[in-house]
Amino acid sequence: MSRGPGSFQKDILDRIQRNRGVIAWDELKESFPLRIQNRSLHRAVRSLKRMGYLREVKASGRRWFARCSPRGMRKADREWLESCNEAAWLLRMAAKARGVDVPSQAAELDALVDAYQRQFS
């Protein structure tokens, strides 16, 4: 399984970015004429759409592609995960300092945070 766009897909994204993040299908085909013949442009665009890097819109009878941020973790999600990890660490340190067992809720918190983080990987 791929972890991100390949070199040709990056070329496509760069071309779209140079066009202010939006490009018509006709313009994209003109940018990569050799890739049209062997259908690799079609495969690359379809894959970029599936990964969340492109969004296709039809307007005025033309196909347009807009560059998007890939699916991933937002800053607010990262901050929330960091605060959960910090809370779990503080709970463990407080239990250790008092010489008591770590509450069972710590394991539940870890499991919930891990499940939430797996959604983005």
C-alpha atoms as a PDB file:
ATOM      1  CA  MET A   1       0.000   0.000   0.000  1.00  0.00           C
ATOM      2  CA  SER A   2       1.321   3.387  -0.960  1.00  0.00           C
ATOM      3  CA  ARG A   3       2.005   6.012   1.680  1.00  0.00           C
ATOM      4  CA  GLY A   4       1.562   9.019  -0.566  1.00  0.00           C
ATOM      5  CA  PRO A   5       1.685  10.307  -4.117  1.00  0.00           C
ATOM      6  CA  GLY A   6       4.326   8.993  -6.488  1.00  0.00           C
ATOM      7  CA  SER A   7       6.602  11.108  -8.677  1.00  0.00           C
ATOM      8  CA  PHE A   8       4.134  11.475 -11.557  1.00  0.00           C
ATOM      9  CA  GLN A   9       1.316  12.226  -9.137  1.00  0.00           C
ATOM     10  CA  LYS A  10       3.497  14.906  -7.536  1.00  0.00           C
ATOM     11  CA  ASP A  11       4.060  16.381 -11.013  1.00  0.00           C
ATOM     12  CA  ILE A  12       0.286  16.545 -11.481  1.00  0.00           C
ATOM     13  CA  LEU A  13      -0.186  18.235  -8.103  1.00  0.00           C
ATOM     14  CA  ASP A  14       2.593  20.728  -8.892  1.00  0.00           C
ATOM     15  CA  ARG A  15       0.974  21.555 -12.232  1.00  0.00           C
ATOM     16  CA  ILE A  16      -2.370  22.146 -10.552  1.00  0.00           C
ATOM     17  CA  GLN A  17      -0.752  24.248  -7.825  1.00  0.00           C
ATOM     18  CA  ARG A  18       0.922  26.470 -10.461  1.00  0.00           C
ATOM     19  CA  ASN A  19      -2.573  27.051 -11.840  1.00  0.00           C
ATOM     20  CA  ARG A  20      -3.777  28.416  -8.469  1.00  0.00           C
ATOM     21  CA  GLY A  21      -4.994  25.050  -7.253  1.00  0.00           C
ATOM     22  CA  VAL A  22      -7.654  24.477  -9.935  1.00  0.00           C
ATOM     23  CA  ILE A  23      -7.322  23.141 -13.464  1.00  0.00           C
ATOM     24  CA  ALA A  24      -9.641  21.940 -16.211  1.00  0.00           C
ATOM     25  CA  TRP A  25      -9.277  18.378 -17.465  1.00  0.00           C
ATOM     26  CA  ASP A  26      -8.454  19.646 -20.969  1.00  0.00           C
ATOM     27  CA  GLU A  27      -5.564  21.751 -19.643  1.00  0.00           C
ATOM     28  CA  LEU A  28      -4.285  18.857 -17.570  1.00  0.00           C
ATOM     29  CA  LYS A  29      -4.316  16.579 -20.629  1.00  0.00           C
ATOM     30  CA  GLU A  30      -2.395  19.190 -22.624  1.00  0.00           C
ATOM     31  CA  SER A  31       0.222  19.348 -19.868  1.00  0.00           C
ATOM     32  CA  PHE A  32       0.942  15.602 -20.080  1.00  0.00           C
ATOM     33  CA  PRO A  33       0.255  14.516 -23.689  1.00  0.00           C
ATOM     34  CA  LEU A  34       2.375  11.353 -23.584  1.00  0.00           C
ATOM     35  CA  ARG A  35       0.687  10.151 -20.416  1.00  0.00           C
ATOM     36  CA  ILE A  36      -2.735  10.349 -22.102  1.00  0.00           C
ATOM     37  CA  GLN A  37      -1.764   7.747 -24.690  1.00  0.00           C
ATOM     38  CA  ASN A  38      -0.986   5.036 -22.152  1.00  0.00           C
ATOM     39  CA  ARG A  39      -3.802   6.069 -19.781  1.00  0.00           C
ATOM     40  CA  SER A  40      -1.416   6.675 -16.877  1.00  0.00           C
ATOM     41  CA  LEU A  41      -2.798  10.208 -16.424  1.00  0.00           C
ATOM     42  CA  HIS A  42      -6.262   8.724 -15.881  1.00  0.00           C
ATOM     43  CA  ARG A  43      -4.937   6.212 -13.333  1.00  0.00           C
ATOM     44  CA  ALA A  44      -2.887   8.845 -11.508  1.00  0.00           C
ATOM     45  CA  VAL A  45      -5.808  11.273 -11.256  1.00  0.00           C
ATOM     46  CA  ARG A  46      -8.164   8.513 -10.098  1.00  0.00           C
ATOM     47  CA  SER A  47      -5.665   7.535  -7.408  1.00  0.00           C
ATOM     48  CA  LEU A  48      -5.165  11.153  -6.293  1.00  0.00           C
ATOM     49  CA  LYS A  49      -8.931  11.515  -5.953  1.00  0.00           C
ATOM     50  CA  ARG A  50      -9.108   8.338  -3.895  1.00  0.00           C
ATOM     51  CA  MET A  51      -6.277   9.519  -1.600  1.00  0.00           C
ATOM     52  CA  GLY A  52      -8.014  12.856  -1.091  1.00  0.00           C
ATOM     53  CA  TYR A  53      -5.491  15.100  -2.889  1.00  0.00           C
ATOM     54  CA  LEU A  54      -7.921  16.056  -5.679  1.00  0.00           C
ATOM     55  CA  ARG A  55     -11.597  16.840  -5.870  1.00  0.00           C
ATOM     56  CA  GLU A  56     -13.438  16.696  -9.184  1.00  0.00           C
ATOM     57  CA  VAL A  57     -16.155  19.213 -10.030  1.00  0.00           C
ATOM     58  CA  LYS A  58     -18.219  19.482 -13.203  1.00  0.00           C
ATOM     59  CA  ALA A  59     -19.191  23.020 -14.153  1.00  0.00           C
ATOM     60  CA  SER A  60     -20.274  24.520 -17.469  1.00  0.00           C
ATOM     61  CA  GLY A  61     -19.967  21.130 -19.106  1.00  0.00           C
ATOM     62  CA  ARG A  62     -16.265  20.826 -18.220  1.00  0.00           C
ATOM     63  CA  ARG A  63     -14.403  18.665 -15.723  1.00  0.00           C
ATOM     64  CA  TRP A  64     -12.350  20.636 -13.184  1.00  0.00           C
ATOM     65  CA  PHE A  65      -9.918  19.388 -10.575  1.00  0.00           C
ATOM     66  CA  ALA A  66      -9.156  21.231  -7.362  1.00  0.00           C
ATOM     67  CA  ARG A  67      -6.188  20.426  -5.182  1.00  0.00           C
ATOM     68  CA  CYS A  68      -7.151  19.554  -1.611  1.00  0.00           C
ATOM     69  CA  SER A  69      -5.340  18.753   1.566  1.00  0.00           C
ATOM     70  CA  PRO A  70      -5.016  15.013   1.933  1.00  0.00           C
ATOM     71  CA  ARG A  71      -7.024  13.232   4.547  1.00  0.00           C
ATOM     72  CA  GLY A  72      -5.034  13.471   7.690  1.00  0.00           C
ATOM     73  CA  MET A  73      -4.902  14.833  11.115  1.00  0.00           C
ATOM     74  CA  ARG A  74      -5.840  18.439  11.710  1.00  0.00           C
ATOM     75  CA  LYS A  75      -3.959  20.596  14.167  1.00  0.00           C
ATOM     76  CA  ALA A  76      -6.883  20.447  16.609  1.00  0.00           C
ATOM     77  CA  ASP A  77      -6.811  16.631  16.448  1.00  0.00           C
ATOM     78  CA  ARG A  78      -3.056  16.545  17.104  1.00  0.00           C
ATOM     79  CA  GLU A  79      -3.447  18.914  20.065  1.00  0.00           C
ATOM     80  CA  TRP A  80      -6.292  16.827  21.479  1.00  0.00           C
ATOM     81  CA  LEU A  81      -4.223  13.634  21.212  1.00  0.00           C
ATOM     82  CA  GLU A  82      -1.273  15.337  22.889  1.00  0.00           C
ATOM     83  CA  SER A  83      -3.470  16.499  25.765  1.00  0.00           C
ATOM     84  CA  CYS A  84      -4.900  12.973  26.174  1.00  0.00           C
ATOM     85  CA  ASN A  85      -1.417  11.473  26.230  1.00  0.00           C
ATOM     86  CA  GLU A  86      -0.309  14.088  28.741  1.00  0.00           C
ATOM     87  CA  ALA A  87      -3.357  13.393  30.940  1.00  0.00           C
ATOM     88  CA  ALA A  88      -2.612   9.658  30.885  1.00  0.00           C
ATOM     89  CA  TRP A  89       1.032  10.322  31.777  1.00  0.00           C
ATOM     90  CA  LEU A  90       0.023  12.618  34.652  1.00  0.00           C
ATOM     91  CA  LEU A  91      -2.403   9.986  35.941  1.00  0.00           C
ATOM     92  CA  ARG A  92       0.329   7.342  35.915  1.00  0.00           C
ATOM     93  CA  MET A  93       2.842   9.653  37.610  1.00  0.00           C
ATOM     94  CA  ALA A  94       0.327  10.635  40.323  1.00  0.00           C
ATOM     95  CA  ALA A  95      -0.487   6.972  41.001  1.00  0.00           C
ATOM     96  CA  LYS A  96       3.203   6.115  41.160  1.00  0.00           C
ATOM     97  CA  ALA A  97       3.947   9.040  43.507  1.00  0.00           C
ATOM     98  CA  ARG A  98       1.181   7.919  45.887  1.00  0.00           C
ATOM     99  CA  GLY A  99       2.185   4.275  45.649  1.00  0.00           C
ATOM    100  CA  VAL A 100      -1.178   3.081  44.349  1.00  0.00           C
ATOM    101  CA  ASP A 101      -2.194   1.074  41.308  1.00  0.00           C
ATOM    102  CA  VAL A 102      -2.976   2.929  38.112  1.00  0.00           C
ATOM    103  CA  PRO A 103      -6.770   3.098  37.681  1.00  0.00           C
ATOM    104  CA  SER A 104      -8.317   0.897  34.997  1.00  0.00           C
ATOM    105  CA  GLN A 105      -9.563   4.044  33.248  1.00  0.00           C
ATOM    106  CA  ALA A 106      -5.968   4.730  32.120  1.00  0.00           C
ATOM    107  CA  ALA A 107      -5.986   1.613  29.939  1.00  0.00           C
ATOM    108  CA  GLU A 108      -9.388   2.587  28.534  1.00  0.00           C
ATOM    109  CA  LEU A 109      -8.091   6.082  27.754  1.00  0.00           C
ATOM    110  CA  ASP A 110      -5.053   4.601  25.981  1.00  0.00           C
ATOM    111  CA  ALA A 111      -7.272   2.305  23.913  1.00  0.00           C
ATOM    112  CA  LEU A 112      -9.579   5.158  22.904  1.00  0.00           C
ATOM    113  CA  VAL A 113      -6.681   7.424  21.944  1.00  0.00           C
ATOM    114  CA  ASP A 114      -5.057   4.632  19.902  1.00  0.00           C
ATOM    115  CA  ALA A 115      -8.320   3.908  18.091  1.00  0.00           C
ATOM    116  CA  TYR A 116      -8.795   7.586  17.314  1.00  0.00           C
ATOM    117  CA  GLN A 117      -5.222   7.917  16.035  1.00  0.00           C
ATOM    118  CA  ARG A 118      -5.564   4.838  13.790  1.00  0.00           C
ATOM    119  CA  GLN A 119      -8.352   6.606  11.901  1.00  0.00           C
ATOM    120  CA  PHE A 120      -5.749   8.951  10.434  1.00  0.00           C
ATOM    121  CA  SER A 121      -2.983   6.507   9.577  1.00  0.00           C
END
